[in-house]
Amino acid sequence: QVQLEESGGGLVQPGSFLRLSCVGSGFTSENYAIGWIRQAPGKEREVVASISSADGQTYYGNSVKGRFAIDRDKSKNTFFLSMNDLKPEDTAVYYCALETAGWGPWIMASYNYDHWGQGTQVTVSS
C-alpha cells in the first residue's frame, strides 16, 4: 500500500524560504515520478515540480521556475521541495503525489498521479 506523508508547510512572509518534505513507502515500481502539486482556493490543481525515479530528470511549472527546486534522498525514499522567494500567489495546499507510468509529458498533468498524500498548507502573507 502506497503511503505519502508531507511535512514542512507553514505561514511565512513574502520573500521567505520553505522546504517541504515527503516520505514515501509501499512503492512497487522502480520507474515512477514524484510530483509536488498545489491547489489554491478556487483554482485548478497545478503540478509545480516533478522528478523522475529513473534518472532524476526534473520538471518545473512556469510559475515557479527559478524559485523552486525538487530533489530526493533515494536511500530514504524522501522527496523535497525547496521554495525560495515565496510570493502570496504561492499560497496553497501542497501535495506530494506518485505517478506510476514513468517519465513523459504526462507528468505535467495532475490527473495522471495515482497516489496522493494528505497535503500541507503553505501560506505566504505579510
Foldseek 3Di string as FASTA:
>chain_A
DKAKAKDWADEEAAQDKTKMKIFIDDDPDQAKKKFKWWDDPPDDIFTAKMATSPPGDMDGDPVQPPFWDKDDDVVRNMIMIMGGRDDQVVWTWIKIFMADPHDDPVVRDPVRTDDIHPTDTHGYHD
